[in-house]
Amino acid sequence: MATIVTRTGKGSALTFAEGDANFTNLNTDKVELTDISVTTGASAETSALAYNNSTGVFTFTPVETGDLTVLDDFSITTAAAADTSALAYNNATGVFTFTPVETGDLAALDDFAVNTVSASGAGSLSYNNATGVFTFAPADTSALPFIASLDEDTTPQLGGNLDVNNNSITTTVTDGNITITANGDGEVVLGPLSNLGKIISFSEEIETLAAVSGTLSIDATEGPIKYVVPSGAMTINGLASPVDGQTVTMLIDNATNTTNHGITLGAGLLTPAGDGVTVTDSGYDLVTITCVDSTNGVYVVTAINDFQ
């Protein structure tokens, strides 16, 4: 480039000739657009842009595209199962390798079982991972205020009063019975009459004793009403397994018999004036037996004759 003479460099004012020379030099050294060009160099690992101020040439060096990764350079493969799953990448091959969990080590539903042990204080559920068994210890129901114990024999015991709260005690079994039974000498007590309310429907079991004769075994538990058709003379010595206050009523049917079959009472069966029991020829008679002393075998017997 040509030298430009400046006032500072000269140390005094420039002459007209020096100024004219400066303009000529600037015009000669100016850069025109036609003096600049762009070229592309060979590709390299990194891109670059360089300028040569002697030639006015910009040189662009692009990235080596062969080193770039495209989608079809990748692939995925599956390795053998292991204890834990994993995903690995090999940058030399472009391969992702997935290692799944060994499913044989996973628990299936049929690996589990439930076991029940004796009741404990608060109840608990534990698991044994070696055997796959859940063990349930139910709560000790004897500590509860209502249910004293709940056994596997389906006989729960009440630890307090049973309040049905205006609901019914019933059975879901068709024609199923509801039996309330006392233990030993215990009694089934319904309470005072003032608390019983209204009995809407009531019936008693009737047992038929057909073609009977000789000594009768009268079991009140088979029904407090007996329909008796004699085939011969009968003897009554009391009730089978008697209970104080137990009463049995018998309808004696001699209507179909050509011969009247009478009744003989054993010791301890008391009748008005000790006259015993008579029956109506070819008729119907009602005989009632009430146990007043089961220990000594004392009964009160009454008869009403000739029902038509």
Protein backbone atom coordinates (compact mmCIF):
# COMPACT_ATOMS: atom_id res chain seq x y z
CA MET A 1 0.00 0.00 0.00
CA ALA A 2 1.22 3.52 -0.80
CA THR A 3 2.39 5.73 2.05
CA ILE A 4 0.12 8.57 3.12
CA VAL A 5 1.84 11.76 4.34
CA THR A 6 0.16 13.15 7.43
CA ARG A 7 0.67 16.51 9.21
CA THR A 8 1.54 14.66 12.40
CA GLY A 9 4.14 12.59 10.66
CA LYS A 10 5.65 15.53 8.75
CA GLY A 11 5.54 17.94 11.68
CA SER A 12 4.25 20.84 9.59
CA ALA A 13 1.47 21.67 7.20
CA LEU A 14 1.30 19.64 4.01
CA THR A 15 2.00 21.27 0.65
CA PHE A 16 -0.54 21.20 -2.17
CA ALA A 17 1.51 18.59 -3.96
CA GLU A 18 1.65 16.31 -0.87
CA GLY A 19 -2.13 16.49 -0.42
CA ASP A 20 -2.71 15.74 -4.10
CA ALA A 21 -0.40 12.74 -3.86
CA ASN A 22 -2.32 11.42 -0.85
CA PHE A 23 -5.59 11.45 -2.82
CA THR A 24 -3.95 9.65 -5.69
CA ASN A 25 -2.55 6.98 -3.38
CA LEU A 26 -5.93 6.43 -1.65
CA ASN A 27 -7.64 6.05 -4.98
CA THR A 28 -5.04 3.54 -6.10
CA ASP A 29 -5.23 1.40 -2.90
CA LYS A 30 -9.04 1.34 -2.39
CA VAL A 31 -10.82 -2.03 -2.31
CA GLU A 32 -13.45 -2.70 -4.98
CA LEU A 33 -16.15 -5.43 -4.79
CA THR A 34 -14.58 -7.06 -7.79
CA ASP A 35 -11.42 -7.45 -5.77
CA ILE A 36 -13.16 -9.86 -3.29
CA SER A 37 -13.98 -13.52 -3.95
CA VAL A 38 -15.09 -16.57 -1.96
CA THR A 39 -13.72 -20.04 -2.41
CA THR A 40 -14.26 -23.40 -0.69
CA GLY A 41 -11.42 -25.39 0.72
CA ALA A 42 -11.23 -29.10 1.37
CA SER A 43 -13.50 -30.35 4.16
CA ALA A 44 -12.01 -30.84 7.60
CA GLU A 45 -13.05 -31.99 11.08
CA THR A 46 -14.23 -28.46 11.94
CA SER A 47 -15.59 -25.68 9.74
CA ALA A 48 -13.67 -22.36 9.29
CA LEU A 49 -13.72 -19.05 7.36
CA ALA A 50 -10.36 -17.43 6.46
CA TYR A 51 -9.39 -14.23 4.53
CA ASN A 52 -6.25 -13.52 2.50
CA ASN A 53 -5.64 -9.76 2.52
CA SER A 54 -3.07 -10.11 -0.26
CA THR A 55 -5.49 -11.66 -2.69
CA GLY A 56 -8.86 -10.50 -1.23
CA VAL A 57 -10.09 -14.07 -1.11
CA PHE A 58 -12.35 -15.54 1.66
CA THR A 59 -11.87 -19.31 2.01
CA PHE A 60 -14.60 -21.44 3.68
CA THR A 61 -13.62 -24.85 5.03
CA PRO A 62 -16.74 -27.08 5.56
CA VAL A 63 -17.10 -29.95 8.07
CA GLU A 64 -16.25 -33.42 6.80
CA THR A 65 -19.78 -34.80 6.25
CA GLY A 66 -18.48 -38.31 6.27
CA ASP A 67 -17.98 -37.96 10.01
CA LEU A 68 -21.59 -36.95 10.61
CA THR A 69 -24.10 -39.51 11.98
CA VAL A 70 -27.34 -40.25 10.16
CA LEU A 71 -30.36 -42.18 11.39
CA ASP A 72 -29.56 -45.34 9.46
CA ASP A 73 -26.26 -45.56 11.34
CA PHE A 74 -28.19 -46.60 14.47
CA SER A 75 -29.66 -49.97 15.38
CA ILE A 76 -31.14 -51.62 18.48
CA THR A 77 -30.52 -55.14 19.68
CA THR A 78 -31.64 -57.15 22.73
CA ALA A 79 -29.24 -58.98 24.99
CA ALA A 80 -29.93 -61.95 27.25
CA ALA A 81 -32.06 -61.22 30.31
CA ALA A 82 -30.28 -60.30 33.52
CA ASP A 83 -31.10 -59.45 37.12
CA THR A 84 -31.64 -55.79 36.26
CA SER A 85 -32.60 -54.07 33.03
CA ALA A 86 -30.12 -51.76 31.21
CA LEU A 87 -29.64 -49.76 27.98
CA ALA A 88 -26.08 -49.41 26.56
CA TYR A 89 -24.64 -47.67 23.45
CA ASN A 90 -21.57 -48.63 21.40
CA ASN A 91 -20.27 -45.48 19.64
CA ALA A 92 -18.01 -47.57 17.42
CA THR A 93 -20.91 -49.53 15.92
CA GLY A 94 -23.86 -47.18 16.57
CA VAL A 95 -25.76 -50.00 18.31
CA PHE A 96 -28.02 -49.58 21.36
CA THR A 97 -28.25 -52.80 23.39
CA PHE A 98 -31.22 -53.36 25.74
CA THR A 99 -30.89 -55.92 28.54
CA PRO A 100 -34.34 -56.93 29.91
CA VAL A 101 -35.09 -58.16 33.41
CA GLU A 102 -35.01 -61.92 33.93
CA THR A 103 -38.77 -62.64 34.13
CA GLY A 104 -38.13 -66.00 35.72
CA ASP A 105 -37.17 -64.13 38.88
CA LEU A 106 -40.45 -62.17 38.95
CA ALA A 107 -43.25 -63.34 41.22
CA ALA A 108 -46.43 -64.70 39.62
CA LEU A 109 -49.86 -64.86 41.24
CA ASP A 110 -49.59 -68.61 41.74
CA ASP A 111 -46.42 -68.08 43.77
CA PHE A 112 -48.45 -66.59 46.63
CA ALA A 113 -50.44 -68.31 49.37
CA VAL A 114 -52.37 -67.14 52.42
CA ASN A 115 -52.18 -68.85 55.79
CA THR A 116 -54.18 -68.06 58.93
CA VAL A 117 -52.79 -68.55 62.42
CA SER A 118 -54.28 -68.20 65.88
CA ALA A 119 -55.85 -64.91 66.91
CA SER A 120 -53.60 -62.27 68.40
CA GLY A 121 -54.16 -59.02 70.22
CA ALA A 122 -54.57 -56.51 67.41
CA GLY A 123 -54.37 -58.70 64.29
CA SER A 124 -51.56 -58.61 61.74
CA LEU A 125 -50.56 -59.57 58.18
CA SER A 126 -46.98 -60.67 57.44
CA TYR A 127 -45.18 -61.91 54.31
CA ASN A 128 -42.39 -64.47 53.94
CA ASN A 129 -40.47 -63.64 50.73
CA ALA A 130 -38.71 -67.01 50.83
CA THR A 131 -41.95 -69.00 50.63
CA GLY A 132 -44.31 -66.43 49.09
CA VAL A 133 -46.77 -66.95 51.96
CA PHE A 134 -48.86 -64.20 53.55
CA THR A 135 -49.75 -65.08 57.16
CA PHE A 136 -52.83 -63.46 58.68
CA ALA A 137 -53.29 -63.40 62.44
CA PRO A 138 -56.84 -62.23 63.17
CA ALA A 139 -57.64 -60.00 66.09
CA ASP A 140 -58.58 -61.59 69.39
CA THR A 141 -62.34 -60.94 69.32
CA SER A 142 -62.69 -61.78 73.01
CA ALA A 143 -61.47 -58.26 73.72
CA LEU A 144 -64.31 -56.71 71.71
CA PRO A 145 -67.37 -55.46 73.63
CA PHE A 146 -69.92 -57.32 71.47
CA ILE A 147 -68.45 -60.54 70.08
CA ALA A 148 -66.70 -62.58 72.74
CA SER A 149 -65.24 -65.10 70.31
CA LEU A 150 -65.57 -66.00 66.65
CA ASP A 151 -64.51 -69.59 66.08
CA GLU A 152 -64.05 -71.45 62.81
CA ASP A 153 -67.04 -73.65 63.76
CA THR A 154 -69.32 -70.68 62.87
CA THR A 155 -70.65 -70.39 66.45
CA PRO A 156 -70.01 -66.76 67.46
CA GLN A 157 -70.70 -65.87 71.07
CA LEU A 158 -72.16 -62.58 72.18
CA GLY A 159 -70.30 -60.55 74.75
CA GLY A 160 -73.22 -58.19 75.23
CA ASN A 161 -76.87 -57.60 74.35
CA LEU A 162 -78.05 -58.19 70.80
CA ASP A 163 -79.95 -55.12 69.62
CA VAL A 164 -81.66 -55.85 66.29
CA ASN A 165 -82.81 -52.21 66.09
CA ASN A 166 -86.30 -52.85 64.68
CA ASN A 167 -85.00 -55.51 62.26
CA SER A 168 -85.73 -59.22 61.95
CA ILE A 169 -83.86 -62.37 62.86
CA THR A 170 -84.45 -64.61 59.88
CA THR A 171 -82.90 -67.32 57.72
CA THR A 172 -82.10 -67.23 54.00
CA VAL A 173 -82.73 -70.98 53.71
CA THR A 174 -86.19 -71.82 52.35
CA ASP A 175 -88.29 -73.42 55.09
CA GLY A 176 -85.29 -73.17 57.42
CA ASN A 177 -85.82 -73.24 61.17
CA ILE A 178 -84.64 -70.75 63.78
CA THR A 179 -83.85 -72.63 66.98
CA ILE A 180 -83.12 -70.99 70.32
CA THR A 181 -81.76 -73.59 72.72
CA ALA A 182 -80.63 -73.16 76.30
CA ASN A 183 -77.64 -75.09 77.64
CA GLY A 184 -78.23 -77.70 80.35
CA ASP A 185 -80.77 -76.44 82.86
CA GLY A 186 -80.78 -72.98 81.30
CA GLU A 187 -84.07 -71.46 80.21
CA VAL A 188 -85.17 -69.46 77.18
CA VAL A 189 -86.73 -66.39 78.82
CA LEU A 190 -88.84 -64.05 76.70
CA GLY A 191 -89.35 -61.47 79.41
CA PRO A 192 -92.42 -60.04 81.15
CA LEU A 193 -95.70 -60.07 79.23
CA SER A 194 -95.75 -56.26 79.26
CA ASN A 195 -92.66 -56.27 77.04
CA LEU A 196 -93.66 -59.02 74.64
CA GLY A 197 -96.00 -56.87 72.59
CA LYS A 198 -98.31 -58.61 70.13
CA ILE A 199 -97.83 -62.14 68.78
CA ILE A 200 -99.02 -61.85 65.20
CA SER A 201 -98.94 -65.54 64.33
CA PHE A 202 -98.30 -68.63 66.38
CA SER A 203 -98.59 -72.35 65.66
CA GLU A 204 -97.52 -75.55 67.40
CA GLU A 205 -96.10 -78.73 65.92
CA ILE A 206 -98.55 -81.63 65.64
CA GLU A 207 -97.23 -85.20 65.78
CA THR A 208 -99.37 -88.05 64.48
CA LEU A 209 -99.21 -91.34 66.39
CA ALA A 210 -101.06 -93.86 64.24
CA ALA A 211 -102.01 -97.43 65.16
CA VAL A 212 -100.45 -97.23 68.63
CA SER A 213 -100.99 -99.50 71.60
CA GLY A 214 -99.28 -100.61 74.76
CA THR A 215 -97.01 -98.20 76.69
CA LEU A 216 -96.75 -94.83 74.92
CA SER A 217 -93.49 -92.87 74.87
CA ILE A 218 -94.70 -89.30 74.57
CA ASP A 219 -91.90 -86.90 73.52
CA ALA A 220 -92.89 -83.25 73.84
CA THR A 221 -89.92 -82.13 71.73
CA GLU A 222 -91.58 -83.79 68.70
CA GLY A 223 -94.55 -81.45 69.08
CA PRO A 224 -96.76 -80.40 71.99
CA ILE A 225 -99.89 -81.60 70.20
CA LYS A 226 -100.41 -85.30 69.45
CA TYR A 227 -103.00 -86.83 67.14
CA VAL A 228 -103.40 -90.39 68.47
CA VAL A 229 -105.17 -93.21 66.63
CA PRO A 230 -105.19 -96.26 68.95
CA SER A 231 -105.00 -99.82 67.69
CA GLY A 232 -105.25 -101.30 71.18
CA ALA A 233 -105.29 -100.45 74.87
CA MET A 234 -102.72 -97.82 75.91
CA THR A 235 -100.70 -97.10 79.05
CA ILE A 236 -99.21 -93.65 79.81
CA ASN A 237 -96.54 -93.34 82.52
CA GLY A 238 -95.50 -89.76 81.84
CA LEU A 239 -93.43 -87.82 79.32
CA ALA A 240 -90.09 -88.73 77.78
CA SER A 241 -87.35 -86.45 79.22
CA PRO A 242 -89.86 -84.33 81.13
CA VAL A 243 -89.34 -80.67 82.08
CA ASP A 244 -91.25 -78.90 84.84
CA GLY A 245 -94.19 -76.98 83.34
CA GLN A 246 -94.15 -78.96 80.09
CA THR A 247 -97.63 -79.71 78.67
CA VAL A 248 -98.75 -82.13 75.96
CA THR A 249 -102.27 -82.20 74.53
CA MET A 250 -103.53 -85.38 72.84
CA LEU A 251 -106.56 -85.82 70.61
CA ILE A 252 -107.59 -89.48 71.00
CA ASP A 253 -109.39 -90.69 67.86
CA ASN A 254 -111.53 -93.80 68.48
CA ALA A 255 -114.06 -92.78 65.82
CA THR A 256 -112.75 -95.25 63.26
CA ASN A 257 -112.34 -98.14 65.72
CA THR A 258 -115.03 -100.82 66.10
CA THR A 259 -113.65 -101.52 69.55
CA ASN A 260 -113.05 -98.74 72.05
CA HIS A 261 -109.43 -98.65 73.27
CA GLY A 262 -109.01 -97.21 76.76
CA ILE A 263 -106.12 -95.46 78.53
CA THR A 264 -104.43 -96.59 81.75
CA LEU A 265 -102.41 -94.01 83.73
CA GLY A 266 -99.29 -94.94 85.68
CA ALA A 267 -98.30 -93.79 89.17
CA GLY A 268 -97.87 -90.07 89.65
CA LEU A 269 -100.40 -89.07 86.95
CA LEU A 270 -103.07 -87.26 88.94
CA THR A 271 -106.67 -86.85 87.77
CA PRO A 272 -109.73 -85.20 89.39
CA ALA A 273 -110.88 -87.42 92.28
CA GLY A 274 -108.38 -90.01 91.06
CA ASP A 275 -110.96 -91.29 88.60
CA GLY A 276 -108.43 -91.77 85.79
CA VAL A 277 -109.26 -91.09 82.14
CA THR A 278 -112.20 -92.44 80.22
CA VAL A 279 -112.63 -92.31 76.46
CA THR A 280 -115.73 -92.07 74.32
CA ASP A 281 -116.86 -95.08 72.31
CA SER A 282 -116.21 -94.39 68.63
CA GLY A 283 -115.58 -90.70 69.43
CA TYR A 284 -112.95 -88.03 70.03
CA ASP A 285 -111.47 -87.12 73.41
CA LEU A 286 -108.97 -84.44 74.45
CA VAL A 287 -106.38 -85.44 77.08
CA THR A 288 -103.92 -82.93 78.53
CA ILE A 289 -100.82 -83.93 80.52
CA THR A 290 -98.78 -81.31 82.44
CA CYS A 291 -95.54 -82.11 84.28
CA VAL A 292 -95.41 -80.40 87.68
CA ASP A 293 -92.44 -82.31 89.18
CA SER A 294 -90.07 -83.93 86.72
CA THR A 295 -87.80 -85.22 89.48
CA ASN A 296 -90.50 -87.28 91.18
CA GLY A 297 -92.62 -87.92 88.07
CA VAL A 298 -95.73 -85.99 89.12
CA TYR A 299 -98.23 -84.94 86.40
CA VAL A 300 -101.68 -83.40 86.28
CA VAL A 301 -104.00 -85.03 83.73
CA THR A 302 -107.35 -83.71 82.53
CA ALA A 303 -109.72 -85.08 79.90
CA ILE A 304 -112.59 -83.55 77.97
CA ASN A 305 -114.77 -86.16 76.33
CA ASP A 306 -116.92 -86.65 73.30
CA PHE A 307 -115.87 -84.02 70.79
CA GLN A 308 -118.27 -84.10 67.84
